[in-house]
Amino acid sequence: MTDFEHKLYQIFVNMRLYGKNPTLPELKRKTGKSEQEIRDATKSLIRKGTLSWDEEKKIWII
């Protein structure tokens, strides 16, 4: 896991603790990265099995 993927993962974990899903604008603000960089890192986390999306419940599964 790259440093940025780890940072992004921690944001997902911390926000899930409060019952929230992070929005793209929140992720951009918290990371300082572009939309494409966030999307690429999120896809990488999904491919690695670290993160998944529950389509039915509309939540990230960590």
N, C-alpha and C. Protein backbone atom coordinates (compact mmCIF):
# COMPACT_ATOMS: atom_id res chain seq x y z
N MET A 1 0.86 -1.17 0.00
CA MET A 1 0.00 0.00 0.00
C MET A 1 0.91 1.24 0.00
N THR A 2 0.64 2.14 -0.93
CA THR A 2 1.43 3.37 -0.98
C THR A 2 1.05 4.29 0.19
N ASP A 3 1.85 5.31 0.41
CA ASP A 3 1.55 6.28 1.47
C ASP A 3 0.20 6.93 1.24
N PHE A 4 -0.07 7.30 -0.02
CA PHE A 4 -1.34 7.95 -0.31
C PHE A 4 -2.51 6.99 -0.13
N GLU A 5 -2.36 5.74 -0.56
CA GLU A 5 -3.43 4.75 -0.36
C GLU A 5 -3.69 4.55 1.12
N HIS A 6 -2.62 4.51 1.91
CA HIS A 6 -2.78 4.35 3.36
C HIS A 6 -3.52 5.55 3.96
N LYS A 7 -3.15 6.75 3.54
CA LYS A 7 -3.83 7.96 4.02
C LYS A 7 -5.30 7.94 3.66
N LEU A 8 -5.59 7.58 2.42
CA LEU A 8 -6.98 7.52 1.95
C LEU A 8 -7.76 6.46 2.73
N TYR A 9 -7.14 5.30 2.95
CA TYR A 9 -7.78 4.23 3.71
C TYR A 9 -8.11 4.70 5.13
N GLN A 10 -7.19 5.41 5.76
CA GLN A 10 -7.42 5.92 7.12
C GLN A 10 -8.58 6.90 7.15
N ILE A 11 -8.71 7.70 6.11
CA ILE A 11 -9.84 8.63 6.04
C ILE A 11 -11.15 7.85 5.97
N PHE A 12 -11.19 6.80 5.15
CA PHE A 12 -12.38 5.97 5.06
C PHE A 12 -12.70 5.33 6.41
N VAL A 13 -11.68 4.80 7.08
CA VAL A 13 -11.88 4.16 8.39
C VAL A 13 -12.42 5.17 9.40
N ASN A 14 -11.77 6.32 9.50
CA ASN A 14 -12.18 7.32 10.48
C ASN A 14 -13.60 7.82 10.22
N MET A 15 -13.96 8.02 8.98
CA MET A 15 -15.30 8.52 8.68
C MET A 15 -16.35 7.44 8.93
N ARG A 16 -16.00 6.16 8.68
CA ARG A 16 -16.95 5.07 8.95
C ARG A 16 -17.24 4.98 10.45
N LEU A 17 -16.26 5.31 11.28
CA LEU A 17 -16.48 5.29 12.73
C LEU A 17 -17.61 6.22 13.14
N TYR A 18 -17.81 7.28 12.34
CA TYR A 18 -18.88 8.24 12.60
C TYR A 18 -20.10 7.98 11.73
N GLY A 19 -20.12 6.84 11.03
CA GLY A 19 -21.27 6.46 10.23
C GLY A 19 -21.44 7.26 8.96
N LYS A 20 -20.33 7.81 8.44
CA LYS A 20 -20.41 8.63 7.24
C LYS A 20 -19.61 8.00 6.11
N ASN A 21 -20.03 8.29 4.89
CA ASN A 21 -19.25 7.97 3.71
C ASN A 21 -18.59 9.25 3.26
N PRO A 22 -17.28 9.24 3.02
CA PRO A 22 -16.62 10.46 2.56
C PRO A 22 -17.04 10.80 1.14
N THR A 23 -17.28 12.06 0.89
CA THR A 23 -17.63 12.51 -0.46
C THR A 23 -16.34 12.88 -1.19
N LEU A 24 -16.42 12.98 -2.49
CA LEU A 24 -15.24 13.35 -3.28
C LEU A 24 -14.71 14.72 -2.87
N PRO A 25 -15.56 15.74 -2.71
CA PRO A 25 -15.02 17.04 -2.26
C PRO A 25 -14.32 16.96 -0.89
N GLU A 26 -14.85 16.13 0.02
CA GLU A 26 -14.20 15.96 1.32
C GLU A 26 -12.84 15.31 1.16
N LEU A 27 -12.77 14.29 0.31
CA LEU A 27 -11.50 13.61 0.08
C LEU A 27 -10.48 14.53 -0.57
N LYS A 28 -10.94 15.36 -1.50
CA LYS A 28 -10.04 16.31 -2.15
C LYS A 28 -9.50 17.31 -1.12
N ARG A 29 -10.35 17.78 -0.24
CA ARG A 29 -9.94 18.74 0.77
C ARG A 29 -8.98 18.10 1.78
N LYS A 30 -9.29 16.89 2.22
CA LYS A 30 -8.48 16.23 3.24
C LYS A 30 -7.13 15.75 2.72
N THR A 31 -7.06 15.40 1.43
CA THR A 31 -5.82 14.85 0.89
C THR A 31 -5.01 15.87 0.09
N GLY A 32 -5.69 16.87 -0.46
CA GLY A 32 -5.01 17.83 -1.32
C GLY A 32 -4.69 17.26 -2.69
N LYS A 33 -5.31 16.16 -3.03
CA LYS A 33 -5.05 15.49 -4.31
C LYS A 33 -6.19 15.75 -5.29
N SER A 34 -5.93 15.46 -6.55
CA SER A 34 -6.94 15.66 -7.59
C SER A 34 -7.95 14.52 -7.58
N GLU A 35 -9.07 14.75 -8.26
CA GLU A 35 -10.11 13.74 -8.36
C GLU A 35 -9.55 12.46 -8.98
N GLN A 36 -8.75 12.59 -10.02
CA GLN A 36 -8.21 11.40 -10.70
C GLN A 36 -7.27 10.61 -9.80
N GLU A 37 -6.44 11.31 -9.02
CA GLU A 37 -5.54 10.62 -8.09
C GLU A 37 -6.32 9.86 -7.03
N ILE A 38 -7.40 10.46 -6.54
CA ILE A 38 -8.24 9.81 -5.53
C ILE A 38 -8.94 8.60 -6.13
N ARG A 39 -9.47 8.75 -7.34
CA ARG A 39 -10.15 7.62 -8.01
C ARG A 39 -9.18 6.47 -8.26
N ASP A 40 -7.97 6.79 -8.72
CA ASP A 40 -6.97 5.75 -8.99
C ASP A 40 -6.60 5.00 -7.71
N ALA A 41 -6.37 5.73 -6.63
CA ALA A 41 -5.99 5.10 -5.36
C ALA A 41 -7.14 4.27 -4.80
N THR A 42 -8.37 4.76 -4.93
CA THR A 42 -9.53 4.02 -4.46
C THR A 42 -9.70 2.73 -5.25
N LYS A 43 -9.54 2.80 -6.57
CA LYS A 43 -9.61 1.59 -7.40
C LYS A 43 -8.53 0.60 -7.02
N SER A 44 -7.35 1.09 -6.70
CA SER A 44 -6.25 0.23 -6.28
C SER A 44 -6.60 -0.48 -4.97
N LEU A 45 -7.18 0.25 -4.02
CA LEU A 45 -7.59 -0.35 -2.75
C LEU A 45 -8.67 -1.41 -2.96
N ILE A 46 -9.57 -1.16 -3.90
CA ILE A 46 -10.63 -2.13 -4.21
C ILE A 46 -10.00 -3.39 -4.83
N ARG A 47 -9.08 -3.21 -5.77
CA ARG A 47 -8.41 -4.35 -6.41
C ARG A 47 -7.64 -5.18 -5.40
N LYS A 48 -7.05 -4.54 -4.40
CA LYS A 48 -6.28 -5.24 -3.38
C LYS A 48 -7.18 -5.91 -2.34
N GLY A 49 -8.48 -5.63 -2.38
CA GLY A 49 -9.42 -6.24 -1.44
C GLY A 49 -9.47 -5.53 -0.10
N THR A 50 -8.85 -4.37 -0.01
CA THR A 50 -8.83 -3.61 1.24
C THR A 50 -10.13 -2.84 1.45
N LEU A 51 -10.78 -2.49 0.37
CA LEU A 51 -11.97 -1.65 0.40
C LEU A 51 -12.97 -2.20 -0.60
N SER A 52 -14.25 -2.13 -0.25
CA SER A 52 -15.29 -2.53 -1.21
C SER A 52 -16.54 -1.67 -0.98
N TRP A 53 -17.39 -1.64 -1.98
CA TRP A 53 -18.60 -0.83 -1.95
C TRP A 53 -19.81 -1.74 -1.88
N ASP A 54 -20.67 -1.54 -0.90
CA ASP A 54 -21.91 -2.29 -0.79
C ASP A 54 -22.98 -1.50 -1.54
N GLU A 55 -23.31 -1.96 -2.72
CA GLU A 55 -24.26 -1.27 -3.59
C GLU A 55 -25.65 -1.16 -2.94
N GLU A 56 -26.05 -2.20 -2.25
CA GLU A 56 -27.38 -2.22 -1.63
C GLU A 56 -27.50 -1.20 -0.49
N LYS A 57 -26.51 -1.20 0.40
CA LYS A 57 -26.54 -0.31 1.56
C LYS A 57 -25.94 1.06 1.29
N LYS A 58 -25.22 1.18 0.15
CA LYS A 58 -24.57 2.44 -0.25
C LYS A 58 -23.53 2.87 0.80
N ILE A 59 -22.71 1.91 1.22
CA ILE A 59 -21.64 2.22 2.19
C ILE A 59 -20.34 1.54 1.76
N TRP A 60 -19.22 2.10 2.23
CA TRP A 60 -17.92 1.48 2.01
C TRP A 60 -17.71 0.41 3.08
N ILE A 61 -17.21 -0.73 2.65
CA ILE A 61 -16.91 -1.83 3.59
C ILE A 61 -15.40 -1.91 3.72
N ILE A 62 -14.97 -1.85 4.96
CA ILE A 62 -13.53 -1.82 5.25
C ILE A 62 -13.11 -3.14 5.84
